[in-house]
N, C-alpha and C. Protein backbone atom coordinates (compact mmCIF):
# COMPACT_ATOMS: atom_id res chain seq x y z
N UNK A 1 137.77 53.83 106.17
CA UNK A 1 137.27 55.14 106.51
C UNK A 1 135.89 55.31 105.86
N UNK A 2 134.94 55.68 106.63
CA UNK A 2 133.58 55.81 106.11
C UNK A 2 133.41 57.16 105.42
N UNK A 3 132.35 57.28 104.66
CA UNK A 3 132.06 58.51 103.92
C UNK A 3 131.83 59.67 104.90
N UNK A 4 131.14 59.42 106.00
CA UNK A 4 130.88 60.47 106.99
C UNK A 4 132.16 61.01 107.60
N UNK A 5 133.10 60.12 107.93
CA UNK A 5 134.38 60.54 108.51
C UNK A 5 135.20 61.31 107.47
N UNK A 6 135.12 60.86 106.23
CA UNK A 6 135.85 61.54 105.15
C UNK A 6 135.31 62.95 104.95
N UNK A 7 134.00 63.10 104.91
CA UNK A 7 133.39 64.43 104.73
C UNK A 7 133.71 65.32 105.92
N UNK A 8 133.67 64.76 107.13
CA UNK A 8 134.01 65.53 108.33
C UNK A 8 135.46 66.01 108.28
N UNK A 9 136.37 65.16 107.82
CA UNK A 9 137.78 65.54 107.72
C UNK A 9 137.96 66.67 106.71
N UNK A 10 137.27 66.59 105.59
CA UNK A 10 137.38 67.64 104.57
C UNK A 10 136.82 68.95 105.10
N UNK A 11 135.65 68.89 105.73
CA UNK A 11 135.02 70.11 106.25
C UNK A 11 135.86 70.75 107.36
N UNK A 12 136.42 69.92 108.24
CA UNK A 12 137.20 70.49 109.33
C UNK A 12 138.50 71.10 108.81
N UNK A 13 139.13 70.48 107.82
CA UNK A 13 140.36 71.05 107.26
C UNK A 13 140.04 72.33 106.49
N UNK A 14 138.90 72.34 105.82
CA UNK A 14 138.50 73.56 105.10
C UNK A 14 138.23 74.69 106.09
N UNK A 15 137.59 74.36 107.19
CA UNK A 15 137.31 75.38 108.22
C UNK A 15 138.60 75.93 108.80
N UNK A 16 139.55 75.05 109.11
CA UNK A 16 140.83 75.52 109.65
C UNK A 16 141.58 76.38 108.65
N UNK A 17 141.53 76.02 107.38
CA UNK A 17 142.19 76.82 106.34
C UNK A 17 141.53 78.18 106.22
N UNK A 18 140.21 78.22 106.31
CA UNK A 18 139.49 79.50 106.22
C UNK A 18 139.82 80.39 107.41
N UNK A 19 139.89 79.80 108.61
CA UNK A 19 140.23 80.58 109.80
C UNK A 19 141.65 81.13 109.70
N UNK A 20 142.58 80.30 109.26
CA UNK A 20 143.97 80.74 109.12
C UNK A 20 144.09 81.85 108.07
N UNK A 21 143.41 81.70 106.95
CA UNK A 21 143.44 82.71 105.90
C UNK A 21 142.83 84.02 106.39
N UNK A 22 141.73 83.93 107.10
CA UNK A 22 141.10 85.13 107.65
C UNK A 22 142.02 85.85 108.63
N UNK A 23 142.71 85.11 109.46
CA UNK A 23 143.63 85.70 110.43
C UNK A 23 144.77 86.43 109.71
N UNK A 24 145.35 85.76 108.73
CA UNK A 24 146.48 86.36 107.99
C UNK A 24 146.01 87.61 107.24
N UNK A 25 144.86 87.53 106.59
CA UNK A 25 144.35 88.69 105.86
C UNK A 25 144.05 89.85 106.79
N UNK A 26 143.54 89.56 107.98
CA UNK A 26 143.27 90.60 108.96
C UNK A 26 144.56 91.29 109.41
N UNK A 27 145.59 90.51 109.65
CA UNK A 27 146.89 91.09 110.05
C UNK A 27 147.46 91.97 108.94
N UNK A 28 147.39 91.50 107.71
CA UNK A 28 147.91 92.27 106.58
C UNK A 28 147.12 93.56 106.41
N UNK A 29 145.81 93.48 106.53
CA UNK A 29 144.97 94.67 106.41
C UNK A 29 145.28 95.68 107.50
N UNK A 30 145.46 95.22 108.72
CA UNK A 30 145.79 96.13 109.82
C UNK A 30 147.12 96.84 109.57
N UNK A 31 148.10 96.11 109.07
CA UNK A 31 149.40 96.72 108.78
C UNK A 31 149.27 97.76 107.67
N UNK A 32 148.48 97.44 106.63
CA UNK A 32 148.31 98.38 105.53
C UNK A 32 147.59 99.64 105.97
N UNK A 33 146.60 99.51 106.83
CA UNK A 33 145.87 100.67 107.34
C UNK A 33 146.81 101.54 108.17
N UNK A 34 147.62 100.91 109.01
CA UNK A 34 148.56 101.67 109.83
C UNK A 34 149.58 102.40 108.96
N UNK A 35 150.09 101.72 107.96
CA UNK A 35 151.07 102.33 107.06
C UNK A 35 150.46 103.48 106.29
N UNK A 36 149.24 103.34 105.84
CA UNK A 36 148.56 104.41 105.12
C UNK A 36 148.38 105.62 106.03
N UNK A 37 147.96 105.40 107.27
CA UNK A 37 147.77 106.49 108.22
C UNK A 37 149.08 107.23 108.47
N UNK A 38 150.15 106.49 108.70
CA UNK A 38 151.46 107.10 108.96
C UNK A 38 151.91 107.91 107.75
N UNK A 39 151.74 107.36 106.55
CA UNK A 39 152.14 108.06 105.33
C UNK A 39 151.36 109.35 105.15
N UNK A 40 150.05 109.30 105.41
CA UNK A 40 149.23 110.52 105.29
C UNK A 40 149.65 111.56 106.32
N UNK A 41 149.93 111.14 107.54
CA UNK A 41 150.37 112.07 108.57
C UNK A 41 151.72 112.71 108.21
N UNK A 42 152.60 111.94 107.64
CA UNK A 42 153.90 112.49 107.21
C UNK A 42 153.71 113.49 106.08
N UNK A 43 152.80 113.22 105.18
CA UNK A 43 152.53 114.16 104.08
C UNK A 43 152.01 115.48 104.63
N UNK A 44 151.12 115.42 105.60
CA UNK A 44 150.60 116.64 106.24
C UNK A 44 151.74 117.38 106.94
N UNK A 45 152.59 116.65 107.62
CA UNK A 45 153.72 117.26 108.33
C UNK A 45 154.66 117.96 107.35
N UNK A 46 154.96 117.28 106.22
CA UNK A 46 155.84 117.90 105.22
C UNK A 46 155.21 119.16 104.63
N UNK A 47 153.92 119.14 104.39
CA UNK A 47 153.23 120.30 103.85
C UNK A 47 153.32 121.47 104.84
N UNK A 48 153.09 121.18 106.12
CA UNK A 48 153.19 122.23 107.14
C UNK A 48 154.60 122.80 107.23
N UNK A 49 155.60 121.94 107.13
CA UNK A 49 156.99 122.41 107.17
C UNK A 49 157.28 123.30 105.96
N UNK A 50 156.82 122.91 104.78
CA UNK A 50 157.05 123.72 103.57
C UNK A 50 156.38 125.08 103.70
N UNK A 51 155.15 125.10 104.20
CA UNK A 51 154.45 126.37 104.36
C UNK A 51 155.15 127.27 105.38
N UNK A 52 155.58 126.67 106.48
CA UNK A 52 156.28 127.45 107.51
C UNK A 52 157.59 128.00 106.97
N UNK A 53 158.33 127.18 106.24
CA UNK A 53 159.61 127.64 105.70
C UNK A 53 159.41 128.72 104.64
N UNK A 54 158.37 128.60 103.82
CA UNK A 54 158.14 129.63 102.82
C UNK A 54 157.76 130.97 103.48
N UNK A 55 157.01 130.90 104.57
CA UNK A 55 156.69 132.13 105.31
C UNK A 55 157.95 132.71 105.93
N UNK A 56 158.81 131.86 106.46
CA UNK A 56 160.05 132.33 107.07
C UNK A 56 160.94 132.98 106.03
N UNK A 57 161.08 132.38 104.86
CA UNK A 57 161.90 132.99 103.80
C UNK A 57 161.29 134.28 103.30
N UNK A 58 159.97 134.40 103.30
CA UNK A 58 159.32 135.61 102.84
C UNK A 58 159.61 136.77 103.80
N UNK A 59 159.76 136.48 105.08
CA UNK A 59 160.03 137.51 106.09
C UNK A 59 161.49 137.96 106.04
N UNK A 60 162.40 137.06 105.71
CA UNK A 60 163.83 137.36 105.72
C UNK A 60 164.14 138.36 104.60
N UNK A 61 164.87 139.47 104.95
CA UNK A 61 165.19 140.48 103.94
C UNK A 61 166.24 140.05 102.94
């Protein structure tokens, strides 16, 4: 195996590893962003429910 072929093999395997790592990191980031958005929306929903219920209890004699 010549030096050129050896260097080409190392570079191509490094490139494939970098592409695979980038893909996995992108998927993980997308899931985390979605989870954060859902959690924030649920927090807003819970706050609205608490406010509505406190107003309802305030009206009840």
